[in-house]
Amino acid sequence: MKSLFKPIMERVKVFLSRLSFRTGVIILALCIPCYVLSFAQMLLPISAAAKSVLWFVLFGMAKTTQYAGLAIIGVEGWRRVKGWFRRRRD
């Protein structure tokens, strides 16, 4: 089973490594509206089952965009993002 997923994961890594830092930051920023929507939908006047499905989908999208953005920007990119926020705060 492990040998089945290894080539797939390698192709995903190669694909993500070709994307730019800016793309990674944009995808990482997309997780914020997904998180907000995943919890804001609780205020809608719909059934509990529909709320559960919406939460599952939106929270899953938030996590997916979060991890994909982090994978694209990498460790050095994350240091750049943190440095930008530190400089802006000072």
N, C-alpha and C. Protein backbone atom coordinates (compact mmCIF):
# COMPACT_ATOMS: atom_id res chain seq x y z
N MET A 1 0.83 -1.19 0.00
CA MET A 1 0.00 0.00 0.00
C MET A 1 0.88 1.25 0.00
N LYS A 2 1.96 1.20 0.79
CA LYS A 2 2.85 2.36 0.87
C LYS A 2 3.50 2.65 -0.48
N SER A 3 3.85 1.60 -1.21
CA SER A 3 4.48 1.79 -2.51
C SER A 3 3.51 2.39 -3.53
N LEU A 4 2.22 2.24 -3.29
CA LEU A 4 1.22 2.81 -4.18
C LEU A 4 1.16 4.33 -4.05
N PHE A 5 1.26 4.84 -2.83
CA PHE A 5 1.13 6.27 -2.59
C PHE A 5 2.43 7.05 -2.76
N LYS A 6 3.56 6.39 -2.70
CA LYS A 6 4.84 7.09 -2.80
C LYS A 6 4.99 7.86 -4.12
N PRO A 7 4.73 7.25 -5.29
CA PRO A 7 4.84 8.03 -6.53
C PRO A 7 3.84 9.18 -6.61
N ILE A 8 2.66 8.97 -6.05
CA ILE A 8 1.66 10.03 -6.07
C ILE A 8 2.13 11.21 -5.24
N MET A 9 2.67 10.93 -4.06
CA MET A 9 3.17 12.00 -3.19
C MET A 9 4.35 12.73 -3.83
N GLU A 10 5.20 12.02 -4.53
CA GLU A 10 6.32 12.66 -5.22
C GLU A 10 5.83 13.61 -6.30
N ARG A 11 4.80 13.20 -7.06
CA ARG A 11 4.25 14.08 -8.09
C ARG A 11 3.61 15.32 -7.48
N VAL A 12 2.94 15.15 -6.34
CA VAL A 12 2.33 16.29 -5.66
C VAL A 12 3.41 17.26 -5.18
N LYS A 13 4.51 16.74 -4.62
CA LYS A 13 5.61 17.60 -4.16
C LYS A 13 6.22 18.38 -5.31
N VAL A 14 6.42 17.72 -6.43
CA VAL A 14 7.00 18.39 -7.60
C VAL A 14 6.07 19.49 -8.10
N PHE A 15 4.76 19.18 -8.15
CA PHE A 15 3.78 20.17 -8.60
C PHE A 15 3.77 21.38 -7.67
N LEU A 16 3.74 21.16 -6.36
CA LEU A 16 3.69 22.27 -5.41
C LEU A 16 4.99 23.08 -5.42
N SER A 17 6.11 22.42 -5.67
CA SER A 17 7.38 23.15 -5.67
C SER A 17 7.49 24.10 -6.86
N ARG A 18 6.72 23.86 -7.92
CA ARG A 18 6.76 24.75 -9.09
C ARG A 18 5.94 26.03 -8.89
N LEU A 19 5.09 26.05 -7.86
CA LEU A 19 4.26 27.23 -7.63
C LEU A 19 5.06 28.31 -6.90
N SER A 20 4.70 29.57 -7.11
CA SER A 20 5.47 30.68 -6.57
C SER A 20 5.11 30.96 -5.11
N PHE A 21 5.97 31.75 -4.48
CA PHE A 21 5.74 32.17 -3.10
C PHE A 21 4.43 32.95 -2.99
N ARG A 22 4.20 33.82 -3.96
CA ARG A 22 2.98 34.63 -3.95
C ARG A 22 1.73 33.76 -4.01
N THR A 23 1.77 32.73 -4.84
CA THR A 23 0.64 31.80 -4.92
C THR A 23 0.41 31.12 -3.58
N GLY A 24 1.49 30.74 -2.91
CA GLY A 24 1.38 30.12 -1.60
C GLY A 24 0.74 31.03 -0.57
N VAL A 25 1.12 32.30 -0.60
CA VAL A 25 0.55 33.26 0.34
C VAL A 25 -0.94 33.47 0.06
N ILE A 26 -1.30 33.54 -1.21
CA ILE A 26 -2.71 33.71 -1.57
C ILE A 26 -3.53 32.51 -1.11
N ILE A 27 -3.04 31.31 -1.35
CA ILE A 27 -3.75 30.11 -0.93
C ILE A 27 -3.82 30.05 0.60
N LEU A 28 -2.75 30.44 1.26
CA LEU A 28 -2.75 30.46 2.73
C LEU A 28 -3.76 31.47 3.25
N ALA A 29 -3.91 32.60 2.58
CA ALA A 29 -4.87 33.60 3.01
C ALA A 29 -6.31 33.14 2.76
N LEU A 30 -6.52 32.26 1.80
CA LEU A 30 -7.86 31.74 1.54
C LEU A 30 -8.40 30.88 2.68
N CYS A 31 -7.53 30.39 3.54
CA CYS A 31 -8.02 29.57 4.64
C CYS A 31 -8.78 30.41 5.66
N ILE A 32 -8.50 31.69 5.75
CA ILE A 32 -9.18 32.55 6.73
C ILE A 32 -10.68 32.66 6.44
N PRO A 33 -11.09 33.00 5.20
CA PRO A 33 -12.54 33.03 4.95
C PRO A 33 -13.20 31.67 5.12
N CYS A 34 -12.48 30.60 4.80
CA CYS A 34 -13.07 29.26 4.98
C CYS A 34 -13.32 28.97 6.45
N TYR A 35 -12.37 29.34 7.31
CA TYR A 35 -12.58 29.15 8.75
C TYR A 35 -13.76 29.99 9.24
N VAL A 36 -13.82 31.23 8.81
CA VAL A 36 -14.91 32.11 9.23
C VAL A 36 -16.25 31.54 8.78
N LEU A 37 -16.33 31.13 7.52
CA LEU A 37 -17.59 30.58 7.00
C LEU A 37 -17.96 29.27 7.68
N SER A 38 -16.96 28.47 8.04
CA SER A 38 -17.28 27.18 8.65
C SER A 38 -17.97 27.34 10.00
N PHE A 39 -17.65 28.41 10.71
CA PHE A 39 -18.31 28.63 11.99
C PHE A 39 -19.49 29.60 11.87
N ALA A 40 -19.47 30.50 10.92
CA ALA A 40 -20.58 31.45 10.75
C ALA A 40 -21.84 30.75 10.24
N GLN A 41 -21.69 29.65 9.55
CA GLN A 41 -22.86 28.95 9.03
C GLN A 41 -23.72 28.38 10.16
N MET A 42 -23.17 28.30 11.37
CA MET A 42 -23.96 27.82 12.51
C MET A 42 -25.14 28.76 12.82
N LEU A 43 -25.04 30.01 12.37
CA LEU A 43 -26.09 30.99 12.61
C LEU A 43 -27.25 30.89 11.61
N LEU A 44 -27.07 30.10 10.58
CA LEU A 44 -28.11 29.96 9.56
C LEU A 44 -29.30 29.15 10.10
N PRO A 45 -30.51 29.52 9.69
CA PRO A 45 -31.70 28.79 10.16
C PRO A 45 -31.98 27.54 9.30
N ILE A 46 -31.08 26.57 9.35
CA ILE A 46 -31.25 25.33 8.60
C ILE A 46 -31.13 24.15 9.56
N SER A 47 -31.37 22.96 9.06
CA SER A 47 -31.35 21.78 9.91
C SER A 47 -29.94 21.48 10.42
N ALA A 48 -29.89 20.70 11.48
CA ALA A 48 -28.60 20.33 12.06
C ALA A 48 -27.78 19.47 11.10
N ALA A 49 -28.45 18.65 10.33
CA ALA A 49 -27.74 17.81 9.35
C ALA A 49 -27.09 18.68 8.27
N ALA A 50 -27.80 19.66 7.80
CA ALA A 50 -27.23 20.55 6.78
C ALA A 50 -26.07 21.36 7.35
N LYS A 51 -26.22 21.79 8.60
CA LYS A 51 -25.13 22.53 9.25
C LYS A 51 -23.89 21.65 9.40
N SER A 52 -24.10 20.39 9.73
CA SER A 52 -22.98 19.46 9.87
C SER A 52 -22.25 19.26 8.55
N VAL A 53 -23.01 19.10 7.49
CA VAL A 53 -22.40 18.92 6.17
C VAL A 53 -21.64 20.17 5.76
N LEU A 54 -22.26 21.33 5.94
CA LEU A 54 -21.58 22.58 5.61
C LEU A 54 -20.31 22.76 6.42
N TRP A 55 -20.37 22.46 7.71
CA TRP A 55 -19.18 22.61 8.56
C TRP A 55 -18.09 21.67 8.09
N PHE A 56 -18.45 20.43 7.79
CA PHE A 56 -17.48 19.44 7.33
C PHE A 56 -16.78 19.90 6.05
N VAL A 57 -17.55 20.39 5.10
CA VAL A 57 -16.99 20.82 3.81
C VAL A 57 -16.14 22.08 3.99
N LEU A 58 -16.66 23.08 4.68
CA LEU A 58 -15.93 24.34 4.82
C LEU A 58 -14.68 24.19 5.69
N PHE A 59 -14.79 23.43 6.77
CA PHE A 59 -13.62 23.22 7.62
C PHE A 59 -12.56 22.39 6.89
N GLY A 60 -13.02 21.44 6.09
CA GLY A 60 -12.08 20.67 5.28
C GLY A 60 -11.38 21.53 4.25
N MET A 61 -12.11 22.45 3.64
CA MET A 61 -11.49 23.38 2.69
C MET A 61 -10.48 24.28 3.40
N ALA A 62 -10.81 24.71 4.62
CA ALA A 62 -9.90 25.57 5.37
C ALA A 62 -8.59 24.84 5.67
N LYS A 63 -8.69 23.61 6.13
CA LYS A 63 -7.49 22.83 6.43
C LYS A 63 -6.69 22.53 5.17
N THR A 64 -7.39 22.22 4.09
CA THR A 64 -6.70 21.92 2.83
C THR A 64 -5.94 23.13 2.33
N THR A 65 -6.57 24.30 2.33
CA THR A 65 -5.87 25.50 1.87
C THR A 65 -4.74 25.87 2.81
N GLN A 66 -4.93 25.65 4.10
CA GLN A 66 -3.88 25.97 5.06
C GLN A 66 -2.64 25.12 4.79
N TYR A 67 -2.82 23.81 4.71
CA TYR A 67 -1.67 22.93 4.51
C TYR A 67 -1.06 23.06 3.12
N ALA A 68 -1.89 23.29 2.11
CA ALA A 68 -1.35 23.48 0.76
C ALA A 68 -0.54 24.77 0.69
N GLY A 69 -1.05 25.84 1.31
CA GLY A 69 -0.30 27.10 1.32
C GLY A 69 1.02 26.97 2.05
N LEU A 70 1.01 26.28 3.18
CA LEU A 70 2.26 26.07 3.92
C LEU A 70 3.23 25.20 3.13
N ALA A 71 2.72 24.21 2.43
CA ALA A 71 3.59 23.36 1.62
C ALA A 71 4.20 24.14 0.46
N ILE A 72 3.46 25.06 -0.10
CA ILE A 72 3.98 25.84 -1.23
C ILE A 72 5.04 26.82 -0.78
N ILE A 73 4.79 27.56 0.29
CA ILE A 73 5.76 28.57 0.69
C ILE A 73 6.97 27.97 1.40
N GLY A 74 6.80 26.84 2.06
CA GLY A 74 7.93 26.16 2.70
C GLY A 74 8.43 26.89 3.93
N VAL A 75 9.54 26.40 4.46
CA VAL A 75 10.10 26.93 5.70
C VAL A 75 10.64 28.35 5.50
N GLU A 76 11.38 28.55 4.43
CA GLU A 76 11.95 29.88 4.19
C GLU A 76 10.86 30.90 3.91
N GLY A 77 9.86 30.50 3.19
CA GLY A 77 8.74 31.41 2.93
C GLY A 77 7.98 31.76 4.19
N TRP A 78 7.82 30.78 5.08
CA TRP A 78 7.14 31.05 6.35
C TRP A 78 7.93 32.05 7.17
N ARG A 79 9.25 31.96 7.13
CA ARG A 79 10.09 32.95 7.82
C ARG A 79 9.90 34.34 7.22
N ARG A 80 9.75 34.40 5.90
CA ARG A 80 9.50 35.69 5.24
C ARG A 80 8.17 36.28 5.68
N VAL A 81 7.13 35.45 5.76
CA VAL A 81 5.81 35.93 6.18
C VAL A 81 5.86 36.43 7.62
N LYS A 82 6.48 35.67 8.50
CA LYS A 82 6.58 36.08 9.90
C LYS A 82 7.39 37.37 10.03
N GLY A 83 8.46 37.50 9.25
CA GLY A 83 9.26 38.72 9.28
C GLY A 83 8.48 39.93 8.80
N TRP A 84 7.62 39.72 7.81
CA TRP A 84 6.79 40.81 7.30
C TRP A 84 5.86 41.31 8.39
N PHE A 85 5.23 40.39 9.14
CA PHE A 85 4.34 40.80 10.22
C PHE A 85 5.11 41.47 11.35
N ARG A 86 6.30 41.02 11.64
CA ARG A 86 7.11 41.65 12.69
C ARG A 86 7.52 43.07 12.31
N ARG A 87 7.95 43.24 11.08
CA ARG A 87 8.35 44.58 10.62
C ARG A 87 7.16 45.52 10.62
N ARG A 88 6.03 45.00 10.24
CA ARG A 88 4.82 45.83 10.18
C ARG A 88 4.36 46.26 11.57
N ARG A 89 4.54 45.40 12.55
CA ARG A 89 4.13 45.69 13.92
C ARG A 89 5.05 46.75 14.55
N ASP A 90 6.31 46.75 14.20
CA ASP A 90 7.29 47.70 14.80
C ASP A 90 7.18 49.09 14.26
